[in-house]
Structure formats: C-alpha cells, structure tokens
Protein backbone atom coordinates (compact mmCIF):
# COMPACT_ATOMS: atom_id res chain seq x y z
CA MET A 1 10.26 12.61 -44.71
CA GLU A 2 10.87 11.94 -48.34
CA ASN A 3 7.09 11.85 -49.04
CA LYS A 4 6.63 15.27 -47.34
CA LEU A 5 9.21 16.81 -49.61
CA LYS A 6 7.62 15.24 -52.72
CA GLU A 7 4.24 16.50 -51.55
CA GLY A 8 5.57 19.95 -51.10
CA LEU A 9 7.22 19.97 -54.52
CA GLY A 10 3.98 18.69 -56.07
CA ALA A 11 1.99 21.44 -54.36
CA ALA A 12 4.49 24.04 -55.52
CA LYS A 13 4.38 22.72 -59.07
CA GLU A 14 0.56 22.80 -58.95
CA SER A 15 0.60 26.38 -57.63
CA ILE A 16 3.06 27.62 -60.27
CA GLY A 17 1.03 25.90 -62.99
CA GLY A 18 -2.06 27.61 -61.68
CA LEU A 19 -0.38 30.96 -61.34
CA PHE A 20 0.85 30.88 -65.03
CA GLY A 21 -2.17 29.15 -66.45
CA ASN A 22 -0.21 26.07 -67.30
CA GLU A 23 -2.80 23.33 -66.94
CA LYS A 24 -0.33 20.57 -67.64
CA MET A 25 2.09 21.70 -64.95
CA LYS A 26 -0.87 22.26 -62.53
CA SER A 27 -2.14 18.68 -63.22
CA GLU A 28 1.32 17.14 -62.92
CA GLY A 29 1.83 18.95 -59.59
CA ALA A 30 -1.53 17.68 -58.31
CA ALA A 31 -0.62 14.15 -59.37
CA ASP A 32 2.81 14.40 -57.70
CA LYS A 33 1.20 15.66 -54.54
CA ALA A 34 -1.44 12.88 -54.51
CA ALA A 35 1.21 10.25 -55.18
CA ALA A 36 3.31 11.40 -52.26
CA GLN A 37 0.23 11.50 -49.99
CA THR A 38 -0.65 7.99 -51.09
CA ALA A 39 2.81 6.73 -50.44
CA ALA A 40 2.85 8.36 -46.93
CA SER A 41 -0.56 6.66 -46.22
CA ARG A 42 0.85 3.32 -47.38
CA ASP A 43 3.94 3.70 -45.23
CA GLN A 44 1.79 4.58 -42.21
CA ALA A 45 -0.42 1.54 -42.81
CA LYS A 46 2.63 -0.75 -43.02
CA GLU A 47 3.97 0.71 -39.77
CA ASN A 48 0.55 0.27 -38.06
CA ALA A 49 0.32 -3.36 -39.37
CA GLU A 50 3.75 -4.06 -37.93
CA ASN A 51 2.86 -2.57 -34.59
CA LEU A 52 -0.36 -4.58 -34.39
CA LYS A 53 1.59 -7.75 -35.27
CA ASN A 54 4.04 -7.09 -32.52
CA GLN A 55 1.26 -6.40 -30.00
CA ALA A 56 -0.56 -9.61 -30.96
CA SER A 57 2.72 -11.58 -30.64
CA ASP A 58 3.34 -10.11 -27.22
CA LYS A 59 -0.10 -10.91 -25.98
CA ALA A 60 0.09 -14.47 -27.41
CA GLU A 61 3.38 -14.94 -25.55
CA ALA A 62 1.98 -13.67 -22.35
CA PHE A 63 -1.07 -15.86 -22.73
CA LYS A 64 1.19 -18.83 -23.36
CA ASN A 65 3.21 -18.07 -20.31
CA ASN A 66 0.15 -17.64 -18.19
CA ALA A 67 -1.30 -20.90 -19.37
CA ALA A 68 1.90 -22.78 -18.60
CA GLU A 69 1.96 -21.29 -15.15
CA THR A 70 -1.64 -22.17 -14.52
CA ALA A 71 -0.98 -25.71 -15.59
CA GLU A 72 2.03 -26.03 -13.33
CA ASN A 73 0.01 -24.67 -10.41
CA ALA A 74 -2.85 -27.13 -11.08
CA LYS A 75 -0.34 -30.02 -11.36
CA ALA A 76 1.31 -29.12 -8.05
CA LYS A 77 -2.06 -28.75 -6.36
CA ALA A 78 -3.11 -32.18 -7.73
CA TYR A 79 0.06 -33.80 -6.44
CA ASP A 80 -0.35 -32.08 -3.03
CA SER A 81 -3.96 -33.51 -2.70
CA VAL A 82 -2.84 -37.15 -3.36
CA PRO A 83 -2.37 -39.11 -0.01
CA SER A 84 1.27 -40.10 0.59
CA GLY A 85 0.59 -43.75 1.11
CA ASN A 86 2.08 -43.89 4.64
CA SER A 87 -0.84 -44.95 6.81
CA ASN A 88 0.99 -45.38 10.14
C-alpha cells in the first residue's frame, strides 16, 4: 500500500513538473514513481518466493510421510509372508 502511495505521489510530481515545464521536478517524479514500482515488484517477488518455499516444504513433508507409510506397509507385508515356524 505504501508503494502505491509513493507511486501516485511520484506520478503527480512528474505531471506537475511537466505541466509547469519544470524538468527537474518532472524527472524527480519519474524517479520516485520508478522507485516505488521497483519496491512493489521486489515485495511481490519476496512474497512469491516465500509461497514457493512453503509449497516445497509441504510437498516434501507429504512425500516423507508417504515414504514412511510405504515402508511400514512393505515391512508388515514381509513379516506376514514369513512362515510362523509351527509345523504341526
């Protein structure tokens, strides 16, 4: 939200500078607007990276749980297939 405000202020400053022929103000406004857009993009990239990290962690945990369950099932099946030793 803060970046949108700064972007708007930069755009306003750029427009006012253009309206009054003040190249310095126009350039400063354009720079302020670009800096706010860059900050917003950076923040979005950080959020996307965090989301990807969480998704990868969730998938790894599910894979780990599935592997443990598969191992337990194989172990139980192996025990069930061994003769009991009572040959009466």
